[in-house]
Amino acid sequence: MTIKMAEVWKTFGEGHTAVHALRDVDLAGPQGDFTVILGPSGSGKTTLLNLVGAIDDVSRGRIEVNGVDLAAMDADAKTAFRRESVGFVFQFFNLIPTLTALENVELVAGLTMDNGSDRAAAVLEDVGLADRMHHFPAQLSGGEQQRVAIARALVKRPPVLLCDEPTGELDFETGRMILSLLRRVAAEHRQTVLLVTHNAAIGDMADRVLRLRSGEIVDDFRIDDPVSAEALTW
């Protein structure tokens, strides 16, 4: 699923208090690309993800996903787009504490497929949690909770996977494991991945790296021979 942004601005507030979170951004991402977006806090990284995921609307410009202008969608169409076409993985896991790992994933699977329970169990096995799926979030480590969150995002096999600092709260080894998992599942299903991080070393595993500063893309380059996540150091 291709992503195109043309002359995109995102402004919060008005007048002299207006903040331009994104400024005149152009971006074209082909299907299957694993793109890492780098930049300091406040550079516009999360705002970019929110626009692609139809969580926020552009102030000016145009975003197309598979040739469809997101701004042309009404609220119901945007809800359907998020439900069917986008998976979100955040720094904070946002699991429902009163549901087991399996039930957390089933909740999403049930929105988009008839065999949601079977698919939820299968994707938890894919992320290495076959023996932990009946545990509650409080009974899981941080890495295990993040894997549940990834399973929840992957269960519907979304064409687009948006990851906002998915390793930010994890230790080094668990972080590398999560990155390896994301890279593997995205490659298997030809998913387009946008992964936001402030950790420049993670860019070494990408197909493409974007650098944002003050809402603008200041660098955009491809990596011919990405390293494996297991080879990353930081």
C-alpha atoms as a PDB file:
ATOM      1  CA  MET A   1       0.000   0.000   0.000  1.00  0.00           C
ATOM      2  CA  THR A   2       1.658   3.184  -1.197  1.00  0.00           C
ATOM      3  CA  ILE A   3       1.743   6.389   0.835  1.00  0.00           C
ATOM      4  CA  LYS A   4       2.090   9.844  -0.726  1.00  0.00           C
ATOM      5  CA  MET A   5       2.261  13.189   1.037  1.00  0.00           C
ATOM      6  CA  ALA A   6       2.300  16.389  -1.019  1.00  0.00           C
ATOM      7  CA  GLU A   7       2.997  19.851   0.449  1.00  0.00           C
ATOM      8  CA  VAL A   8       1.616  18.762   3.818  1.00  0.00           C
ATOM      9  CA  TRP A   9       1.379  21.230   6.675  1.00  0.00           C
ATOM     10  CA  LYS A  10       0.012  20.558  10.149  1.00  0.00           C
ATOM     11  CA  THR A  11      -0.579  23.602  12.320  1.00  0.00           C
ATOM     12  CA  PHE A  12      -1.864  23.675  15.883  1.00  0.00           C
ATOM     13  CA  GLY A  13      -3.402  26.904  17.138  1.00  0.00           C
ATOM     14  CA  GLU A  14      -3.930  30.179  15.326  1.00  0.00           C
ATOM     15  CA  GLY A  15      -2.335  33.565  14.913  1.00  0.00           C
ATOM     16  CA  HIS A  16       0.843  34.401  16.819  1.00  0.00           C
ATOM     17  CA  THR A  17       0.433  31.267  18.985  1.00  0.00           C
ATOM     18  CA  ALA A  18       0.289  28.885  15.990  1.00  0.00           C
ATOM     19  CA  VAL A  19       2.746  25.985  16.028  1.00  0.00           C
ATOM     20  CA  HIS A  20       3.710  24.412  12.699  1.00  0.00           C
ATOM     21  CA  ALA A  21       4.283  20.757  13.596  1.00  0.00           C
ATOM     22  CA  LEU A  22       4.899  19.831   9.937  1.00  0.00           C
ATOM     23  CA  ARG A  23       6.017  22.227   7.204  1.00  0.00           C
ATOM     24  CA  ASP A  24       5.595  21.551   3.492  1.00  0.00           C
ATOM     25  CA  VAL A  25       6.353  17.820   3.705  1.00  0.00           C
ATOM     26  CA  ASP A  26       6.594  15.724   0.544  1.00  0.00           C
ATOM     27  CA  LEU A  27       6.922  11.964   0.878  1.00  0.00           C
ATOM     28  CA  ALA A  28       6.342   8.915  -1.319  1.00  0.00           C
ATOM     29  CA  GLY A  29       6.606   5.456   0.203  1.00  0.00           C
ATOM     30  CA  PRO A  30       6.189   2.287  -1.884  1.00  0.00           C
ATOM     31  CA  GLN A  31       4.556  -0.868  -0.601  1.00  0.00           C
ATOM     32  CA  GLY A  32       6.770  -3.041   1.563  1.00  0.00           C
ATOM     33  CA  ASP A  33       9.240  -0.318   2.542  1.00  0.00           C
ATOM     34  CA  PHE A  34      10.539  -0.329   6.118  1.00  0.00           C
ATOM     35  CA  THR A  35      11.114   3.359   6.827  1.00  0.00           C
ATOM     36  CA  VAL A  36      12.675   4.711  10.015  1.00  0.00           C
ATOM     37  CA  ILE A  37      11.862   8.319  10.874  1.00  0.00           C
ATOM     38  CA  LEU A  38      14.466  10.017  13.074  1.00  0.00           C
ATOM     39  CA  GLY A  39      14.444  13.318  14.878  1.00  0.00           C
ATOM     40  CA  PRO A  40      14.484  14.949  18.297  1.00  0.00           C
ATOM     41  CA  SER A  41      11.417  15.473  20.435  1.00  0.00           C
ATOM     42  CA  GLY A  42       9.128  18.048  18.875  1.00  0.00           C
ATOM     43  CA  SER A  43      10.413  17.518  15.334  1.00  0.00           C
ATOM     44  CA  GLY A  44       7.028  16.319  14.026  1.00  0.00           C
ATOM     45  CA  LYS A  45       7.597  12.545  13.952  1.00  0.00           C
ATOM     46  CA  THR A  46       4.452  11.525  15.818  1.00  0.00           C
ATOM     47  CA  THR A  47       2.389  14.144  13.999  1.00  0.00           C
ATOM     48  CA  LEU A  48       3.422  12.584  10.682  1.00  0.00           C
ATOM     49  CA  LEU A  49       2.270   9.149  11.857  1.00  0.00           C
ATOM     50  CA  ASN A  50      -1.026  10.552  13.104  1.00  0.00           C
ATOM     51  CA  LEU A  51      -1.716  12.120   9.723  1.00  0.00           C
ATOM     52  CA  VAL A  52      -0.921   8.940   7.782  1.00  0.00           C
ATOM     53  CA  GLY A  53      -3.086   6.960  10.207  1.00  0.00           C
ATOM     54  CA  ALA A  54      -6.025   9.367   9.765  1.00  0.00           C
ATOM     55  CA  ILE A  55      -5.975  10.231  13.463  1.00  0.00           C
ATOM     56  CA  ASP A  56      -5.386  13.916  12.642  1.00  0.00           C
ATOM     57  CA  ASP A  57      -6.277  15.953   9.544  1.00  0.00           C
ATOM     58  CA  VAL A  58      -3.820  17.989   7.494  1.00  0.00           C
ATOM     59  CA  SER A  59      -3.984  21.773   7.711  1.00  0.00           C
ATOM     60  CA  ARG A  60      -2.812  22.115   4.095  1.00  0.00           C
ATOM     61  CA  GLY A  61      -1.679  19.684   1.431  1.00  0.00           C
ATOM     62  CA  ARG A  62      -2.703  16.177   0.522  1.00  0.00           C
ATOM     63  CA  ILE A  63      -2.138  12.641   1.814  1.00  0.00           C
ATOM     64  CA  GLU A  64      -3.006   9.667  -0.358  1.00  0.00           C
ATOM     65  CA  VAL A  65      -2.951   6.027   0.660  1.00  0.00           C
ATOM     66  CA  ASN A  66      -3.307   3.706  -2.306  1.00  0.00           C
ATOM     67  CA  GLY A  67      -4.517   6.625  -4.374  1.00  0.00           C
ATOM     68  CA  VAL A  68      -7.275   7.646  -1.949  1.00  0.00           C
ATOM     69  CA  ASP A  69      -7.179  11.163  -0.526  1.00  0.00           C
ATOM     70  CA  LEU A  70      -7.598  10.883   3.250  1.00  0.00           C
ATOM     71  CA  ALA A  71      -9.045  14.381   3.435  1.00  0.00           C
ATOM     72  CA  ALA A  72     -11.888  13.281   1.145  1.00  0.00           C
ATOM     73  CA  MET A  73     -13.010  10.633   3.636  1.00  0.00           C
ATOM     74  CA  ASP A  74     -15.818  11.348   6.068  1.00  0.00           C
ATOM     75  CA  ALA A  75     -15.566  10.271   9.712  1.00  0.00           C
ATOM     76  CA  ASP A  76     -17.028   6.819   9.075  1.00  0.00           C
ATOM     77  CA  ALA A  77     -14.668   6.179   6.168  1.00  0.00           C
ATOM     78  CA  LYS A  78     -11.679   7.203   8.297  1.00  0.00           C
ATOM     79  CA  THR A  79     -12.782   4.859  11.058  1.00  0.00           C
ATOM     80  CA  ALA A  80     -13.031   2.012   8.551  1.00  0.00           C
ATOM     81  CA  PHE A  81      -9.619   2.929   7.125  1.00  0.00           C
ATOM     82  CA  ARG A  82      -7.989   2.790  10.565  1.00  0.00           C
ATOM     83  CA  ARG A  83      -9.750  -0.449  11.414  1.00  0.00           C
ATOM     84  CA  GLU A  84      -8.998  -2.293   8.182  1.00  0.00           C
ATOM     85  CA  SER A  85      -5.800  -0.812   6.776  1.00  0.00           C
ATOM     86  CA  VAL A  86      -3.623   0.456   9.625  1.00  0.00           C
ATOM     87  CA  GLY A  87      -1.922  -1.191  12.588  1.00  0.00           C
ATOM     88  CA  PHE A  88      -0.600   1.000  15.400  1.00  0.00           C
ATOM     89  CA  VAL A  89       2.246   0.104  17.776  1.00  0.00           C
ATOM     90  CA  PHE A  90       2.956   2.695  20.447  1.00  0.00           C
ATOM     91  CA  GLN A  91       5.663   3.200  23.056  1.00  0.00           C
ATOM     92  CA  PHE A  92       3.064   2.613  25.753  1.00  0.00           C
ATOM     93  CA  PHE A  93       1.289  -0.686  25.355  1.00  0.00           C
ATOM     94  CA  ASN A  94      -2.294   0.466  26.118  1.00  0.00           C
ATOM     95  CA  LEU A  95      -3.424  -3.058  26.940  1.00  0.00           C
ATOM     96  CA  ILE A  96      -6.710  -3.528  28.781  1.00  0.00           C
ATOM     97  CA  PRO A  97      -5.595  -4.764  32.223  1.00  0.00           C
ATOM     98  CA  THR A  98      -8.719  -6.830  32.921  1.00  0.00           C
ATOM     99  CA  LEU A  99      -8.312  -8.882  29.722  1.00  0.00           C
ATOM    100  CA  THR A 100      -5.783 -11.617  29.058  1.00  0.00           C
ATOM    101  CA  ALA A 101      -3.227 -11.284  26.277  1.00  0.00           C
ATOM    102  CA  LEU A 102      -5.429 -13.425  24.053  1.00  0.00           C
ATOM    103  CA  GLU A 103      -8.542 -11.395  24.861  1.00  0.00           C
ATOM    104  CA  ASN A 104      -6.709  -8.124  24.141  1.00  0.00           C
ATOM    105  CA  VAL A 105      -5.842  -9.378  20.666  1.00  0.00           C
ATOM    106  CA  GLU A 106      -9.248 -11.005  20.110  1.00  0.00           C
ATOM    107  CA  LEU A 107     -10.890  -7.653  20.783  1.00  0.00           C
ATOM    108  CA  VAL A 108      -9.239  -6.207  17.669  1.00  0.00           C
ATOM    109  CA  ALA A 109      -9.514  -9.391  15.597  1.00  0.00           C
ATOM    110  CA  GLY A 110     -13.247  -9.574  16.194  1.00  0.00           C
ATOM    111  CA  LEU A 111     -13.735  -6.193  14.514  1.00  0.00           C
ATOM    112  CA  THR A 112     -12.415  -7.309  11.145  1.00  0.00           C
ATOM    113  CA  MET A 113     -12.690 -11.074  10.777  1.00  0.00           C
ATOM    114  CA  ASP A 114     -15.015 -13.988  11.487  1.00  0.00           C
ATOM    115  CA  ASN A 115     -12.340 -16.341  12.830  1.00  0.00           C
ATOM    116  CA  GLY A 116     -10.924 -13.714  15.164  1.00  0.00           C
ATOM    117  CA  SER A 117     -10.219 -16.045  18.074  1.00  0.00           C
ATOM    118  CA  ASP A 118      -8.226 -18.517  15.977  1.00  0.00           C
ATOM    119  CA  ARG A 119      -6.305 -15.724  14.263  1.00  0.00           C
ATOM    120  CA  ALA A 120      -5.535 -14.040  17.613  1.00  0.00           C
ATOM    121  CA  ALA A 121      -4.074 -17.258  19.015  1.00  0.00           C
ATOM    122  CA  ALA A 122      -2.028 -17.823  15.861  1.00  0.00           C
ATOM    123  CA  VAL A 123      -0.475 -14.353  15.859  1.00  0.00           C
ATOM    124  CA  LEU A 124       0.408 -14.624  19.560  1.00  0.00           C
ATOM    125  CA  GLU A 125       2.233 -17.823  18.693  1.00  0.00           C
ATOM    126  CA  ASP A 126       4.015 -15.918  15.902  1.00  0.00           C
ATOM    127  CA  VAL A 127       5.336 -13.395  18.424  1.00  0.00           C
ATOM    128  CA  GLY A 128       6.490 -16.121  20.811  1.00  0.00           C
ATOM    129  CA  LEU A 129       3.717 -15.927  23.397  1.00  0.00           C
ATOM    130  CA  ALA A 130       2.005 -19.286  22.922  1.00  0.00           C
ATOM    131  CA  ASP A 131       2.556 -20.138  26.580  1.00  0.00           C
ATOM    132  CA  ARG A 132       1.623 -16.679  27.908  1.00  0.00           C
ATOM    133  CA  MET A 133      -1.580 -15.872  26.037  1.00  0.00           C
ATOM    134  CA  HIS A 134      -3.838 -16.569  29.014  1.00  0.00           C
ATOM    135  CA  HIS A 135      -1.910 -14.249  31.326  1.00  0.00           C
ATOM    136  CA  PHE A 136      -3.060 -10.754  32.235  1.00  0.00           C
ATOM    137  CA  PRO A 137      -0.866  -7.740  31.384  1.00  0.00           C
ATOM    138  CA  ALA A 138       0.273  -7.346  34.997  1.00  0.00           C
ATOM    139  CA  GLN A 139       1.634 -10.898  34.828  1.00  0.00           C
ATOM    140  CA  LEU A 140       3.780 -10.125  31.771  1.00  0.00           C
ATOM    141  CA  SER A 141       7.144  -8.414  31.433  1.00  0.00           C
ATOM    142  CA  GLY A 142       7.498  -5.160  29.511  1.00  0.00           C
ATOM    143  CA  GLY A 143       8.801  -7.008  26.461  1.00  0.00           C
ATOM    144  CA  GLU A 144       5.949  -9.489  26.598  1.00  0.00           C
ATOM    145  CA  GLN A 145       3.393  -6.695  26.871  1.00  0.00           C
ATOM    146  CA  GLN A 146       4.921  -4.997  23.847  1.00  0.00           C
ATOM    147  CA  ARG A 147       4.703  -8.269  21.910  1.00  0.00           C
ATOM    148  CA  VAL A 148       0.999  -8.446  22.797  1.00  0.00           C
ATOM    149  CA  ALA A 149       0.616  -4.894  21.498  1.00  0.00           C
ATOM    150  CA  ILE A 150       2.387  -5.885  18.283  1.00  0.00           C
ATOM    151  CA  ALA A 151       0.185  -8.969  17.938  1.00  0.00           C
ATOM    152  CA  ARG A 152      -2.848  -6.729  18.362  1.00  0.00           C
ATOM    153  CA  ALA A 153      -1.593  -4.497  15.546  1.00  0.00           C
ATOM    154  CA  LEU A 154      -0.721  -7.434  13.287  1.00  0.00           C
ATOM    155  CA  VAL A 155      -3.749  -9.635  13.781  1.00  0.00           C
ATOM    156  CA  LYS A 156      -5.692  -8.020  10.948  1.00  0.00           C
ATOM    157  CA  ARG A 157      -2.577  -8.038   8.695  1.00  0.00           C
ATOM    158  CA  PRO A 158      -2.833  -4.318   7.949  1.00  0.00           C
ATOM    159  CA  PRO A 159      -1.159  -3.029   4.788  1.00  0.00           C
ATOM    160  CA  VAL A 160       0.318  -0.144   6.810  1.00  0.00           C
ATOM    161  CA  LEU A 161       2.056  -0.512  10.182  1.00  0.00           C
ATOM    162  CA  LEU A 162       2.760   2.684  12.156  1.00  0.00           C
ATOM    163  CA  CYS A 163       5.180   2.321  15.075  1.00  0.00           C
ATOM    164  CA  ASP A 164       5.801   5.196  17.491  1.00  0.00           C
ATOM    165  CA  GLU A 165       8.894   4.602  19.648  1.00  0.00           C
ATOM    166  CA  PRO A 166       8.041   0.880  20.040  1.00  0.00           C
ATOM    167  CA  THR A 167      11.276   0.166  21.949  1.00  0.00           C
ATOM    168  CA  GLY A 168      11.403   3.351  24.017  1.00  0.00           C
ATOM    169  CA  GLU A 169      10.462   1.694  27.305  1.00  0.00           C
ATOM    170  CA  LEU A 170      12.359  -1.567  26.741  1.00  0.00           C
ATOM    171  CA  ASP A 171      15.835  -2.742  27.654  1.00  0.00           C
ATOM    172  CA  PHE A 172      18.441  -3.174  24.918  1.00  0.00           C
ATOM    173  CA  GLU A 173      18.034  -6.914  24.294  1.00  0.00           C
ATOM    174  CA  THR A 174      14.241  -6.812  24.367  1.00  0.00           C
ATOM    175  CA  GLY A 175      14.271  -3.780  22.081  1.00  0.00           C
ATOM    176  CA  ARG A 176      16.371  -5.586  19.484  1.00  0.00           C
ATOM    177  CA  MET A 177      14.041  -8.585  19.685  1.00  0.00           C
ATOM    178  CA  ILE A 178      11.005  -6.362  19.074  1.00  0.00           C
ATOM    179  CA  LEU A 179      12.685  -4.691  16.090  1.00  0.00           C
ATOM    180  CA  SER A 180      13.619  -8.066  14.609  1.00  0.00           C
ATOM    181  CA  LEU A 181      10.033  -9.230  15.024  1.00  0.00           C
ATOM    182  CA  LEU A 182       8.646  -6.131  13.309  1.00  0.00           C
ATOM    183  CA  ARG A 183      11.071  -6.455  10.416  1.00  0.00           C
ATOM    184  CA  ARG A 184      10.288 -10.155   9.936  1.00  0.00           C
ATOM    185  CA  VAL A 185       6.506  -9.941   9.991  1.00  0.00           C
ATOM    186  CA  ALA A 186       6.474  -6.858   7.780  1.00  0.00           C
ATOM    187  CA  ALA A 187       8.623  -8.606   5.191  1.00  0.00           C
ATOM    188  CA  GLU A 188       6.486 -11.746   5.265  1.00  0.00           C
ATOM    189  CA  HIS A 189       3.290  -9.827   4.499  1.00  0.00           C
ATOM    190  CA  ARG A 190       4.736  -6.987   2.378  1.00  0.00           C
ATOM    191  CA  GLN A 191       3.562  -4.401   4.864  1.00  0.00           C
ATOM    192  CA  THR A 192       4.594  -0.779   4.613  1.00  0.00           C
ATOM    193  CA  VAL A 193       6.188   0.242   7.912  1.00  0.00           C
ATOM    194  CA  LEU A 194       6.817   3.724   9.289  1.00  0.00           C
ATOM    195  CA  LEU A 195       8.778   3.505  12.544  1.00  0.00           C
ATOM    196  CA  VAL A 196       9.432   6.649  14.561  1.00  0.00           C
ATOM    197  CA  THR A 197      12.381   6.805  16.940  1.00  0.00           C
ATOM    198  CA  HIS A 198      14.943   9.223  18.358  1.00  0.00           C
ATOM    199  CA  ASN A 199      17.536   6.404  18.303  1.00  0.00           C
ATOM    200  CA  ALA A 200      19.671   6.939  15.185  1.00  0.00           C
ATOM    201  CA  ALA A 201      21.202   3.446  15.378  1.00  0.00           C
ATOM    202  CA  ILE A 202      17.841   1.877  14.496  1.00  0.00           C
ATOM    203  CA  GLY A 203      18.067   3.535  11.081  1.00  0.00           C
ATOM    204  CA  ASP A 204      20.751   1.014  10.102  1.00  0.00           C
ATOM    205  CA  MET A 205      18.097  -1.721   9.772  1.00  0.00           C
ATOM    206  CA  ALA A 206      15.792   0.321   7.531  1.00  0.00           C
ATOM    207  CA  ASP A 207      15.236   0.355   3.795  1.00  0.00           C
ATOM    208  CA  ARG A 208      14.911   4.111   4.054  1.00  0.00           C
ATOM    209  CA  VAL A 209      15.679   6.781   6.642  1.00  0.00           C
ATOM    210  CA  LEU A 210      13.979  10.154   7.035  1.00  0.00           C
ATOM    211  CA  ARG A 211      15.273  12.844   9.377  1.00  0.00           C
ATOM    212  CA  LEU A 212      12.898  15.505  10.657  1.00  0.00           C
ATOM    213  CA  ARG A 213      13.819  18.784  12.277  1.00  0.00           C
ATOM    214  CA  SER A 214      11.340  21.488  13.273  1.00  0.00           C
ATOM    215  CA  GLY A 215       8.623  19.877  11.160  1.00  0.00           C
ATOM    216  CA  GLU A 216      10.687  19.597   7.972  1.00  0.00           C
ATOM    217  CA  ILE A 217      12.368  16.642   6.264  1.00  0.00           C
ATOM    218  CA  VAL A 218      16.051  17.561   6.290  1.00  0.00           C
ATOM    219  CA  ASP A 219      17.407  14.214   5.057  1.00  0.00           C
ATOM    220  CA  ASP A 220      15.951  11.322   3.067  1.00  0.00           C
ATOM    221  CA  PHE A 221      18.073   8.396   1.917  1.00  0.00           C
ATOM    222  CA  ARG A 222      17.878   4.691   1.167  1.00  0.00           C
ATOM    223  CA  ILE A 223      20.067   1.944   2.624  1.00  0.00           C
ATOM    224  CA  ASP A 224      21.182  -0.635   0.083  1.00  0.00           C
ATOM    225  CA  ASP A 225      22.210  -3.287   2.600  1.00  0.00           C
ATOM    226  CA  PRO A 226      20.295  -2.943   5.895  1.00  0.00           C
ATOM    227  CA  VAL A 227      21.767  -4.748   8.892  1.00  0.00           C
ATOM    228  CA  SER A 228      19.747  -7.228  10.903  1.00  0.00           C
ATOM    229  CA  ALA A 229      18.126  -6.007  14.090  1.00  0.00           C
ATOM    230  CA  GLU A 230      20.303  -8.473  16.010  1.00  0.00           C
ATOM    231  CA  ALA A 231      23.410  -6.611  14.773  1.00  0.00           C
ATOM    232  CA  LEU A 232      22.285  -3.220  16.072  1.00  0.00           C
ATOM    233  CA  THR A 233      24.176  -1.567  18.913  1.00  0.00           C
ATOM    234  CA  TRP A 234      23.465   1.613  20.807  1.00  0.00           C
END
